[in-house]
Amino acid sequence: MTQPGEVTRLLAEASRGDRDAADRLVPILYDELRRMAHGRMRGERAGHTLDTTALVHEAYLELAGLERMEWRSRAHFLAVAAIAMRRVLVDYAVRRNARKRDGGRHAVPLDDVADVMLVSDERADELLAMDDAMRRLAGVSERRCRVVECRYFAGMTIEETAEALRISPATVKREWTVARAWLHRELQA
């Protein structure tokens, strides 16, 4: 059982460069990370092999590679994890499309087997289109882009998103509504 304030203490220690604190933090937040990953993977087609664990582990590797990150809170950590998950999914989609263009007839290293299971062809194209739209959205409004990352990629609630981004829940609702409409228009174009 996690003691109150333990996550905050570990985040502060990790911010000061304590790798052991970061390593102790992940098991505590692992269930939340899996929930986020599962929420993101829920959109895959029926019968598709979902690999939430691989997504969590890849995102963790990205987080572990961050140098001297100043973690503000549990919500901030989860928001950054959402960004990492987005990057992992987009990288997988790019590799998947590259394999598709290549005819898919080359050896796949054992470490990349999870890549094949994680993103279907249909979802890879959708994810790449979404990533392009997200890049354009960030050019229009960085905050709206962060709201979408928290809500869409991490499956965070309005309240969790508000805490992570240090804005009010009402602002999250408003930005989420505008961002969804903007993305819908961009993806339909």
N, C-alpha and C. Protein backbone atom coordinates (compact mmCIF):
# COMPACT_ATOMS: atom_id res chain seq x y z
N MET A 1 0.84 -1.19 0.00
CA MET A 1 0.00 0.00 0.00
C MET A 1 0.88 1.24 0.00
N THR A 2 0.56 2.15 -0.86
CA THR A 2 1.31 3.39 -0.98
C THR A 2 0.93 4.34 0.14
N GLN A 3 1.94 4.89 0.78
CA GLN A 3 1.71 5.87 1.83
C GLN A 3 1.35 7.22 1.22
N PRO A 4 0.47 7.99 1.88
CA PRO A 4 0.13 9.32 1.36
C PRO A 4 1.41 10.15 1.21
N GLY A 5 1.53 10.81 0.08
CA GLY A 5 2.69 11.64 -0.16
C GLY A 5 3.89 10.90 -0.72
N GLU A 6 3.84 9.56 -0.77
CA GLU A 6 4.99 8.80 -1.26
C GLU A 6 5.28 9.10 -2.73
N VAL A 7 4.23 9.18 -3.55
CA VAL A 7 4.42 9.48 -4.97
C VAL A 7 5.04 10.86 -5.14
N THR A 8 4.55 11.83 -4.38
CA THR A 8 5.09 13.19 -4.46
C THR A 8 6.56 13.20 -4.06
N ARG A 9 6.89 12.49 -2.99
CA ARG A 9 8.29 12.42 -2.52
C ARG A 9 9.17 11.79 -3.58
N LEU A 10 8.72 10.66 -4.15
CA LEU A 10 9.51 9.97 -5.17
C LEU A 10 9.67 10.82 -6.43
N LEU A 11 8.62 11.55 -6.80
CA LEU A 11 8.72 12.43 -7.96
C LEU A 11 9.75 13.53 -7.71
N ALA A 12 9.74 14.09 -6.51
CA ALA A 12 10.72 15.14 -6.17
C ALA A 12 12.13 14.58 -6.22
N GLU A 13 12.33 13.37 -5.69
CA GLU A 13 13.65 12.74 -5.72
C GLU A 13 14.08 12.44 -7.15
N ALA A 14 13.14 11.95 -7.96
CA ALA A 14 13.45 11.66 -9.36
C ALA A 14 13.80 12.95 -10.10
N SER A 15 13.14 14.05 -9.75
CA SER A 15 13.44 15.34 -10.37
C SER A 15 14.86 15.79 -10.08
N ARG A 16 15.37 15.37 -8.93
CA ARG A 16 16.74 15.73 -8.56
C ARG A 16 17.76 14.74 -9.13
N GLY A 17 17.29 13.80 -9.98
CA GLY A 17 18.21 12.89 -10.64
C GLY A 17 18.37 11.54 -9.97
N ASP A 18 17.59 11.24 -8.96
CA ASP A 18 17.68 9.96 -8.26
C ASP A 18 16.99 8.88 -9.09
N ARG A 19 17.79 8.07 -9.79
CA ARG A 19 17.25 7.00 -10.66
C ARG A 19 16.52 5.93 -9.85
N ASP A 20 16.98 5.66 -8.63
CA ASP A 20 16.31 4.67 -7.79
C ASP A 20 14.88 5.11 -7.47
N ALA A 21 14.69 6.40 -7.23
CA ALA A 21 13.35 6.91 -6.94
C ALA A 21 12.44 6.70 -8.14
N ALA A 22 12.96 6.98 -9.34
CA ALA A 22 12.17 6.77 -10.56
C ALA A 22 11.82 5.30 -10.72
N ASP A 23 12.76 4.42 -10.42
CA ASP A 23 12.50 2.98 -10.53
C ASP A 23 11.46 2.52 -9.51
N ARG A 24 11.43 3.13 -8.33
CA ARG A 24 10.44 2.76 -7.31
C ARG A 24 9.06 3.35 -7.64
N LEU A 25 9.05 4.43 -8.42
CA LEU A 25 7.82 5.12 -8.76
C LEU A 25 6.97 4.33 -9.74
N VAL A 26 7.59 3.73 -10.73
CA VAL A 26 6.84 3.06 -11.79
C VAL A 26 5.95 1.94 -11.26
N PRO A 27 6.42 1.05 -10.38
CA PRO A 27 5.49 0.02 -9.90
C PRO A 27 4.27 0.60 -9.18
N ILE A 28 4.47 1.73 -8.52
CA ILE A 28 3.35 2.36 -7.81
C ILE A 28 2.31 2.89 -8.80
N LEU A 29 2.79 3.45 -9.92
CA LEU A 29 1.89 4.04 -10.90
C LEU A 29 1.57 3.09 -12.05
N TYR A 30 2.07 1.86 -11.99
CA TYR A 30 1.92 0.91 -13.08
C TYR A 30 0.46 0.66 -13.45
N ASP A 31 -0.40 0.48 -12.47
CA ASP A 31 -1.81 0.22 -12.76
C ASP A 31 -2.45 1.40 -13.50
N GLU A 32 -2.08 2.62 -13.10
CA GLU A 32 -2.62 3.79 -13.79
C GLU A 32 -2.08 3.87 -15.22
N LEU A 33 -0.81 3.54 -15.40
CA LEU A 33 -0.23 3.54 -16.74
C LEU A 33 -0.91 2.48 -17.62
N ARG A 34 -1.18 1.31 -17.04
CA ARG A 34 -1.87 0.24 -17.80
C ARG A 34 -3.30 0.67 -18.15
N ARG A 35 -3.97 1.36 -17.23
CA ARG A 35 -5.32 1.84 -17.51
C ARG A 35 -5.29 2.82 -18.67
N MET A 36 -4.30 3.72 -18.67
CA MET A 36 -4.16 4.68 -19.75
C MET A 36 -3.92 3.95 -21.07
N ALA A 37 -2.99 3.00 -21.06
CA ALA A 37 -2.66 2.27 -22.28
C ALA A 37 -3.85 1.46 -22.76
N HIS A 38 -4.55 0.84 -21.84
CA HIS A 38 -5.72 0.04 -22.21
C HIS A 38 -6.80 0.93 -22.83
N GLY A 39 -7.00 2.11 -22.25
CA GLY A 39 -7.97 3.04 -22.81
C GLY A 39 -7.59 3.45 -24.22
N ARG A 40 -6.32 3.61 -24.47
CA ARG A 40 -5.86 3.99 -25.80
C ARG A 40 -6.01 2.83 -26.78
N MET A 41 -5.80 1.61 -26.32
CA MET A 41 -5.86 0.44 -27.18
C MET A 41 -7.29 -0.05 -27.40
N ARG A 42 -8.22 0.44 -26.62
CA ARG A 42 -9.61 -0.02 -26.70
C ARG A 42 -10.21 0.16 -28.09
N GLY A 43 -9.72 1.11 -28.87
CA GLY A 43 -10.27 1.39 -30.19
C GLY A 43 -9.85 0.41 -31.27
N GLU A 44 -8.99 -0.54 -30.95
CA GLU A 44 -8.56 -1.50 -31.97
C GLU A 44 -9.71 -2.39 -32.38
N ARG A 45 -9.63 -2.91 -33.61
CA ARG A 45 -10.70 -3.76 -34.15
C ARG A 45 -10.86 -5.03 -33.32
N ALA A 46 -12.06 -5.62 -33.39
CA ALA A 46 -12.34 -6.86 -32.65
C ALA A 46 -11.41 -7.97 -33.14
N GLY A 47 -10.94 -8.79 -32.23
CA GLY A 47 -10.08 -9.90 -32.56
C GLY A 47 -8.62 -9.52 -32.71
N HIS A 48 -8.32 -8.25 -32.59
CA HIS A 48 -6.94 -7.78 -32.71
C HIS A 48 -6.20 -8.11 -31.42
N THR A 49 -4.96 -8.50 -31.53
CA THR A 49 -4.17 -8.79 -30.34
C THR A 49 -3.72 -7.48 -29.72
N LEU A 50 -4.25 -7.16 -28.57
CA LEU A 50 -3.89 -5.92 -27.89
C LEU A 50 -2.73 -6.17 -26.97
N ASP A 51 -1.79 -5.27 -26.98
CA ASP A 51 -0.63 -5.44 -26.13
C ASP A 51 -0.37 -4.18 -25.31
N THR A 52 -1.22 -4.00 -24.34
CA THR A 52 -1.10 -2.84 -23.46
C THR A 52 0.22 -2.85 -22.70
N THR A 53 0.64 -4.02 -22.29
CA THR A 53 1.88 -4.13 -21.52
C THR A 53 3.06 -3.60 -22.32
N ALA A 54 3.14 -3.95 -23.59
CA ALA A 54 4.23 -3.46 -24.43
C ALA A 54 4.19 -1.94 -24.53
N LEU A 55 3.00 -1.37 -24.65
CA LEU A 55 2.88 0.08 -24.74
C LEU A 55 3.36 0.74 -23.45
N VAL A 56 2.97 0.21 -22.31
CA VAL A 56 3.41 0.75 -21.01
C VAL A 56 4.93 0.67 -20.90
N HIS A 57 5.50 -0.47 -21.27
CA HIS A 57 6.95 -0.65 -21.14
C HIS A 57 7.72 0.28 -22.07
N GLU A 58 7.24 0.42 -23.31
CA GLU A 58 7.90 1.33 -24.25
C GLU A 58 7.81 2.78 -23.76
N ALA A 59 6.65 3.16 -23.25
CA ALA A 59 6.48 4.52 -22.73
C ALA A 59 7.40 4.73 -21.53
N TYR A 60 7.52 3.72 -20.67
CA TYR A 60 8.41 3.84 -19.52
C TYR A 60 9.85 4.06 -19.98
N LEU A 61 10.27 3.33 -21.02
CA LEU A 61 11.64 3.51 -21.52
C LEU A 61 11.86 4.94 -22.01
N GLU A 62 10.84 5.51 -22.63
CA GLU A 62 10.96 6.93 -23.03
C GLU A 62 11.06 7.83 -21.82
N LEU A 63 10.24 7.57 -20.80
CA LEU A 63 10.27 8.38 -19.58
C LEU A 63 11.60 8.25 -18.86
N ALA A 64 12.11 7.02 -18.83
CA ALA A 64 13.38 6.78 -18.14
C ALA A 64 14.53 7.50 -18.83
N GLY A 65 14.38 7.74 -20.14
CA GLY A 65 15.43 8.41 -20.89
C GLY A 65 15.44 9.93 -20.74
N LEU A 66 14.43 10.47 -20.07
CA LEU A 66 14.38 11.92 -19.89
C LEU A 66 15.44 12.35 -18.87
N GLU A 67 16.19 13.35 -19.22
CA GLU A 67 17.22 13.86 -18.33
C GLU A 67 16.67 15.00 -17.47
N ARG A 68 16.82 14.86 -16.20
CA ARG A 68 16.50 15.94 -15.24
C ARG A 68 15.12 16.56 -15.46
N MET A 69 14.12 15.73 -15.55
CA MET A 69 12.75 16.20 -15.69
C MET A 69 12.26 16.68 -14.33
N GLU A 70 11.64 17.84 -14.29
CA GLU A 70 11.09 18.33 -13.03
C GLU A 70 9.63 17.92 -12.94
N TRP A 71 9.37 16.87 -12.18
CA TRP A 71 8.01 16.35 -12.02
C TRP A 71 7.28 17.19 -11.00
N ARG A 72 6.12 17.74 -11.38
CA ARG A 72 5.36 18.61 -10.49
C ARG A 72 4.37 17.83 -9.63
N SER A 73 3.81 16.76 -10.22
CA SER A 73 2.77 16.02 -9.50
C SER A 73 2.53 14.69 -10.20
N ARG A 74 1.72 13.86 -9.57
CA ARG A 74 1.32 12.58 -10.16
C ARG A 74 0.64 12.84 -11.51
N ALA A 75 -0.25 13.83 -11.56
CA ALA A 75 -0.96 14.15 -12.80
C ALA A 75 0.01 14.62 -13.89
N HIS A 76 1.02 15.39 -13.51
CA HIS A 76 2.03 15.84 -14.48
C HIS A 76 2.78 14.62 -15.03
N PHE A 77 3.16 13.71 -14.17
CA PHE A 77 3.84 12.48 -14.61
C PHE A 77 2.97 11.72 -15.61
N LEU A 78 1.68 11.57 -15.30
CA LEU A 78 0.78 10.83 -16.18
C LEU A 78 0.57 11.57 -17.50
N ALA A 79 0.56 12.90 -17.47
CA ALA A 79 0.42 13.66 -18.72
C ALA A 79 1.65 13.46 -19.60
N VAL A 80 2.82 13.46 -19.01
CA VAL A 80 4.05 13.22 -19.78
C VAL A 80 4.06 11.77 -20.29
N ALA A 81 3.54 10.85 -19.49
CA ALA A 81 3.42 9.46 -19.93
C ALA A 81 2.48 9.37 -21.14
N ALA A 82 1.43 10.18 -21.16
CA ALA A 82 0.51 10.20 -22.30
C ALA A 82 1.23 10.64 -23.57
N ILE A 83 2.08 11.64 -23.44
CA ILE A 83 2.86 12.11 -24.58
C ILE A 83 3.79 10.99 -25.05
N ALA A 84 4.41 10.30 -24.10
CA ALA A 84 5.31 9.18 -24.45
C ALA A 84 4.53 8.08 -25.17
N MET A 85 3.33 7.77 -24.70
CA MET A 85 2.51 6.74 -25.35
C MET A 85 2.16 7.16 -26.77
N ARG A 86 1.84 8.44 -26.94
CA ARG A 86 1.54 8.94 -28.28
C ARG A 86 2.75 8.72 -29.19
N ARG A 87 3.93 9.08 -28.71
CA ARG A 87 5.15 8.91 -29.53
C ARG A 87 5.38 7.44 -29.88
N VAL A 88 5.21 6.57 -28.90
CA VAL A 88 5.40 5.14 -29.13
C VAL A 88 4.43 4.65 -30.19
N LEU A 89 3.15 4.99 -30.06
CA LEU A 89 2.15 4.54 -31.02
C LEU A 89 2.43 5.09 -32.42
N VAL A 90 2.83 6.34 -32.51
CA VAL A 90 3.14 6.92 -33.82
C VAL A 90 4.36 6.24 -34.42
N ASP A 91 5.40 6.01 -33.62
CA ASP A 91 6.59 5.31 -34.13
C ASP A 91 6.22 3.93 -34.65
N TYR A 92 5.37 3.20 -33.92
CA TYR A 92 4.93 1.89 -34.37
C TYR A 92 4.17 1.99 -35.68
N ALA A 93 3.30 2.99 -35.79
CA ALA A 93 2.51 3.16 -37.01
C ALA A 93 3.41 3.45 -38.20
N VAL A 94 4.43 4.28 -37.99
CA VAL A 94 5.37 4.60 -39.06
C VAL A 94 6.09 3.32 -39.50
N ARG A 95 6.57 2.54 -38.54
CA ARG A 95 7.26 1.28 -38.88
C ARG A 95 6.33 0.31 -39.56
N ARG A 96 5.09 0.25 -39.10
CA ARG A 96 4.09 -0.64 -39.70
C ARG A 96 3.85 -0.26 -41.15
N ASN A 97 3.69 1.03 -41.41
CA ASN A 97 3.48 1.48 -42.79
C ASN A 97 4.72 1.23 -43.65
N ALA A 98 5.90 1.38 -43.08
CA ALA A 98 7.13 1.10 -43.82
C ALA A 98 7.18 -0.38 -44.20
N ARG A 99 6.78 -1.26 -43.30
CA ARG A 99 6.75 -2.70 -43.61
C ARG A 99 5.74 -2.98 -44.71
N LYS A 100 4.61 -2.29 -44.65
CA LYS A 100 3.54 -2.49 -45.64
C LYS A 100 4.04 -2.08 -47.03
N ARG A 101 4.72 -0.94 -47.11
CA ARG A 101 5.26 -0.47 -48.40
C ARG A 101 6.34 -1.40 -48.90
N ASP A 102 7.04 -2.01 -47.97
CA ASP A 102 8.16 -2.90 -48.30
C ASP A 102 7.66 -4.30 -48.66
N GLY A 103 6.36 -4.49 -48.66
CA GLY A 103 5.81 -5.80 -48.97
C GLY A 103 5.71 -6.69 -47.75
N GLY A 104 6.26 -6.24 -46.63
CA GLY A 104 6.18 -7.00 -45.39
C GLY A 104 6.93 -8.31 -45.41
N ARG A 105 7.88 -8.45 -46.34
CA ARG A 105 8.56 -9.74 -46.49
C ARG A 105 10.02 -9.67 -46.09
N HIS A 106 10.26 -9.14 -44.95
CA HIS A 106 11.63 -9.15 -44.45
C HIS A 106 11.59 -9.62 -43.00
N ALA A 107 12.74 -10.05 -42.55
CA ALA A 107 12.83 -10.58 -41.18
C ALA A 107 12.51 -9.49 -40.17
N VAL A 108 11.75 -9.87 -39.17
CA VAL A 108 11.40 -8.94 -38.10
C VAL A 108 12.16 -9.37 -36.85
N PRO A 109 13.00 -8.49 -36.30
CA PRO A 109 13.72 -8.86 -35.09
C PRO A 109 12.74 -9.23 -33.97
N LEU A 110 13.13 -10.15 -33.12
CA LEU A 110 12.28 -10.61 -32.05
C LEU A 110 11.77 -9.46 -31.20
N ASP A 111 12.61 -8.46 -30.94
CA ASP A 111 12.19 -7.32 -30.12
C ASP A 111 11.07 -6.52 -30.77
N ASP A 112 10.91 -6.63 -32.10
CA ASP A 112 9.89 -5.87 -32.80
C ASP A 112 8.59 -6.62 -32.99
N VAL A 113 8.49 -7.84 -32.50
CA VAL A 113 7.27 -8.62 -32.67
C VAL A 113 6.08 -7.91 -32.04
N ALA A 114 6.27 -7.28 -30.91
CA ALA A 114 5.17 -6.55 -30.27
C ALA A 114 4.68 -5.42 -31.17
N ASP A 115 5.58 -4.82 -31.96
CA ASP A 115 5.18 -3.76 -32.88
C ASP A 115 4.10 -4.25 -33.83
N VAL A 116 4.26 -5.45 -34.34
CA VAL A 116 3.34 -5.99 -35.31
C VAL A 116 1.96 -6.19 -34.68
N MET A 117 1.91 -6.57 -33.44
CA MET A 117 0.65 -6.85 -32.78
C MET A 117 -0.04 -5.59 -32.30
N LEU A 118 0.69 -4.53 -32.09
CA LEU A 118 0.15 -3.37 -31.41
C LEU A 118 -0.72 -2.48 -32.30
N VAL A 119 -0.35 -2.28 -33.53
CA VAL A 119 -1.07 -1.34 -34.38
C VAL A 119 -1.43 -2.04 -35.69
N SER A 120 -2.72 -2.18 -35.96
CA SER A 120 -3.18 -2.78 -37.20
C SER A 120 -2.95 -1.80 -38.36
N ASP A 121 -3.03 -2.30 -39.59
CA ASP A 121 -2.84 -1.44 -40.76
C ASP A 121 -3.82 -0.27 -40.76
N GLU A 122 -5.10 -0.57 -40.49
CA GLU A 122 -6.10 0.48 -40.51
C GLU A 122 -5.81 1.53 -39.44
N ARG A 123 -5.48 1.06 -38.27
CA ARG A 123 -5.21 1.98 -37.16
C ARG A 123 -3.91 2.75 -37.38
N ALA A 124 -2.94 2.15 -38.04
CA ALA A 124 -1.68 2.85 -38.30
C ALA A 124 -1.94 4.08 -39.16
N ASP A 125 -2.74 3.92 -40.23
CA ASP A 125 -3.05 5.07 -41.08
C ASP A 125 -3.81 6.13 -40.30
N GLU A 126 -4.79 5.71 -39.49
CA GLU A 126 -5.56 6.65 -38.69
C GLU A 126 -4.67 7.38 -37.69
N LEU A 127 -3.78 6.63 -37.06
CA LEU A 127 -2.90 7.21 -36.06
C LEU A 127 -1.94 8.22 -36.68
N LEU A 128 -1.42 7.92 -37.85
CA LEU A 128 -0.53 8.86 -38.52
C LEU A 128 -1.28 10.12 -38.95
N ALA A 129 -2.51 9.96 -39.43
CA ALA A 129 -3.32 11.13 -39.79
C ALA A 129 -3.61 11.96 -38.54
N MET A 130 -3.91 11.27 -37.43
CA MET A 130 -4.17 11.97 -36.17
C MET A 130 -2.92 12.71 -35.70
N ASP A 131 -1.76 12.08 -35.83
CA ASP A 131 -0.53 12.72 -35.40
C ASP A 131 -0.24 13.96 -36.24
N ASP A 132 -0.46 13.88 -37.55
CA ASP A 132 -0.28 15.06 -38.40
C ASP A 132 -1.22 16.18 -37.97
N ALA A 133 -2.47 15.82 -37.72
CA ALA A 133 -3.45 16.82 -37.27
C ALA A 133 -3.05 17.40 -35.92
N MET A 134 -2.53 16.56 -35.04
CA MET A 134 -2.09 17.03 -33.71
C MET A 134 -0.93 18.02 -33.84
N ARG A 135 -0.04 17.77 -34.77
CA ARG A 135 1.07 18.71 -34.99
C ARG A 135 0.54 20.07 -35.46
N ARG A 136 -0.44 20.03 -36.34
CA ARG A 136 -1.05 21.29 -36.80
C ARG A 136 -1.79 21.97 -35.65
N LEU A 137 -2.48 21.18 -34.85
CA LEU A 137 -3.20 21.74 -33.70
C LEU A 137 -2.22 22.41 -32.73
N ALA A 138 -1.08 21.78 -32.50
CA ALA A 138 -0.08 22.38 -31.60
C ALA A 138 0.38 23.73 -32.12
N GLY A 139 0.42 23.90 -33.45
CA GLY A 139 0.79 25.18 -34.05
C GLY A 139 -0.28 26.24 -33.81
N VAL A 140 -1.52 25.81 -33.68
CA VAL A 140 -2.63 26.73 -33.43
C VAL A 140 -2.78 26.98 -31.93
N SER A 141 -2.74 25.89 -31.14
CA SER A 141 -2.91 26.00 -29.70
C SER A 141 -2.21 24.83 -29.01
N GLU A 142 -1.10 25.13 -28.40
CA GLU A 142 -0.33 24.11 -27.68
C GLU A 142 -1.18 23.50 -26.56
N ARG A 143 -1.93 24.34 -25.86
CA ARG A 143 -2.74 23.86 -24.74
C ARG A 143 -3.80 22.87 -25.22
N ARG A 144 -4.46 23.18 -26.32
CA ARG A 144 -5.47 22.25 -26.86
C ARG A 144 -4.82 20.91 -27.24
N CYS A 145 -3.63 20.98 -27.78
CA CYS A 145 -2.91 19.75 -28.12
C CYS A 145 -2.64 18.93 -26.86
N ARG A 146 -2.23 19.57 -25.78
CA ARG A 146 -1.96 18.87 -24.52
C ARG A 146 -3.24 18.26 -23.95
N VAL A 147 -4.35 18.99 -24.07
CA VAL A 147 -5.64 18.47 -23.60
C VAL A 147 -5.98 17.20 -24.36
N VAL A 148 -5.80 17.21 -25.67
CA VAL A 148 -6.10 16.02 -26.48
C VAL A 148 -5.19 14.87 -26.09
N GLU A 149 -3.92 15.15 -25.86
CA GLU A 149 -3.00 14.08 -25.45
C GLU A 149 -3.48 13.44 -24.14
N CYS A 150 -3.86 14.27 -23.20
CA CYS A 150 -4.31 13.73 -21.91
C CYS A 150 -5.63 12.96 -22.05
N ARG A 151 -6.58 13.55 -22.76
CA ARG A 151 -7.90 12.93 -22.86
C ARG A 151 -7.91 11.76 -23.84
N TYR A 152 -7.36 11.93 -25.04
CA TYR A 152 -7.44 10.92 -26.09
C TYR A 152 -6.37 9.84 -25.93
N PHE A 153 -5.13 10.26 -25.76
CA PHE A 153 -4.05 9.27 -25.71
C PHE A 153 -3.91 8.63 -24.34
N ALA A 154 -4.23 9.35 -23.28
CA ALA A 154 -4.06 8.78 -21.93
C ALA A 154 -5.37 8.38 -21.30
N GLY A 155 -6.48 8.78 -21.87
CA GLY A 155 -7.78 8.44 -21.29
C GLY A 155 -8.02 9.09 -19.94
N MET A 156 -7.37 10.24 -19.72
CA MET A 156 -7.51 10.94 -18.44
C MET A 156 -8.88 11.61 -18.37
N THR A 157 -9.39 11.73 -17.16
CA THR A 157 -10.66 12.43 -16.95
C THR A 157 -10.43 13.92 -17.10
N ILE A 158 -11.51 14.66 -17.11
CA ILE A 158 -11.41 16.12 -17.19
C ILE A 158 -10.66 16.65 -15.97
N GLU A 159 -10.97 16.11 -14.81
CA GLU A 159 -10.31 16.57 -13.57
C GLU A 159 -8.81 16.23 -13.58
N GLU A 160 -8.46 15.03 -14.02
CA GLU A 160 -7.04 14.64 -14.09
C GLU A 160 -6.30 15.53 -15.08
N THR A 161 -6.94 15.80 -16.20
CA THR A 161 -6.33 16.67 -17.21
C THR A 161 -6.13 18.08 -16.65
N ALA A 162 -7.13 18.58 -15.96
CA ALA A 162 -7.03 19.92 -15.36
C ALA A 162 -5.86 19.99 -14.39
N GLU A 163 -5.73 18.97 -13.55
CA GLU A 163 -4.62 18.96 -12.59
C GLU A 163 -3.28 18.87 -13.30
N ALA A 164 -3.19 18.00 -14.30
CA ALA A 164 -1.92 17.82 -15.02
C ALA A 164 -1.48 19.09 -15.74
N LEU A 165 -2.42 19.80 -16.30
CA LEU A 165 -2.10 20.99 -17.09
C LEU A 165 -2.20 22.29 -16.31
N ARG A 166 -2.63 22.17 -15.06
CA ARG A 166 -2.77 23.33 -14.18
C ARG A 166 -3.74 24.36 -14.75
N ILE A 167 -4.89 23.85 -15.19
CA ILE A 167 -5.97 24.71 -15.66
C ILE A 167 -7.26 24.22 -15.02
N SER A 168 -8.32 24.99 -15.14
CA SER A 168 -9.58 24.61 -14.50
C SER A 168 -10.29 23.52 -15.32
N PRO A 169 -11.12 22.72 -14.65
CA PRO A 169 -11.91 21.73 -15.38
C PRO A 169 -12.79 22.36 -16.46
N ALA A 170 -13.32 23.55 -16.20
CA ALA A 170 -14.14 24.24 -17.20
C ALA A 170 -13.31 24.56 -18.44
N THR A 171 -12.08 24.97 -18.24
CA THR A 171 -11.20 25.27 -19.36
C THR A 171 -10.89 23.99 -20.14
N VAL A 172 -10.66 22.88 -19.42
CA VAL A 172 -10.42 21.60 -20.09
C VAL A 172 -11.62 21.24 -20.96
N LYS A 173 -12.83 21.35 -20.41
CA LYS A 173 -14.04 21.02 -21.17
C LYS A 173 -14.13 21.86 -22.44
N ARG A 174 -13.90 23.15 -22.28
CA ARG A 174 -13.99 24.07 -23.42
C ARG A 174 -12.92 23.75 -24.46
N GLU A 175 -11.68 23.57 -24.01
CA GLU A 175 -10.58 23.28 -24.94
C GLU A 175 -10.77 21.92 -25.62
N TRP A 176 -11.28 20.94 -24.87
CA TRP A 176 -11.54 19.61 -25.41
C TRP A 176 -12.60 19.68 -26.50
N THR A 177 -13.67 20.43 -26.26
CA THR A 177 -14.74 20.57 -27.24
C THR A 177 -14.22 21.24 -28.52
N VAL A 178 -13.49 22.33 -28.36
CA VAL A 178 -12.96 23.05 -29.52
C VAL A 178 -11.93 22.19 -30.26
N ALA A 179 -11.05 21.53 -29.52
CA ALA A 179 -10.01 20.70 -30.15
C ALA A 179 -10.62 19.53 -30.92
N ARG A 180 -11.62 18.89 -30.33
CA ARG A 180 -12.28 17.77 -31.03
C ARG A 180 -12.92 18.24 -32.32
N ALA A 181 -13.60 19.38 -32.28
CA ALA A 181 -14.23 19.91 -33.49
C ALA A 181 -13.17 20.26 -34.54
N TRP A 182 -12.09 20.89 -34.10
CA TRP A 182 -11.01 21.27 -35.00
C TRP A 182 -10.39 20.03 -35.63
N LEU A 183 -10.09 19.02 -34.82
CA LEU A 183 -9.48 17.79 -35.32
C LEU A 183 -10.44 17.06 -36.29
N HIS A 184 -11.71 17.04 -35.94
CA HIS A 184 -12.68 16.38 -36.81
C HIS A 184 -12.67 17.05 -38.20
N ARG A 185 -12.69 18.36 -38.21
CA ARG A 185 -12.66 19.09 -39.48
C ARG A 185 -11.37 18.81 -40.24
N GLU A 186 -10.23 18.80 -39.55
CA GLU A 186 -8.95 18.54 -40.19
C GLU A 186 -8.86 17.12 -40.74
N LEU A 187 -9.37 16.17 -39.99
CA LEU A 187 -9.28 14.77 -40.42
C LEU A 187 -10.26 14.45 -41.54
N GLN A 188 -11.32 15.24 -41.66
CA GLN A 188 -12.28 15.05 -42.76
C GLN A 188 -11.80 15.69 -44.06
N ALA A 189 -10.91 16.69 -43.94
CA ALA A 189 -10.46 17.44 -45.12
C ALA A 189 -9.63 16.57 -46.06
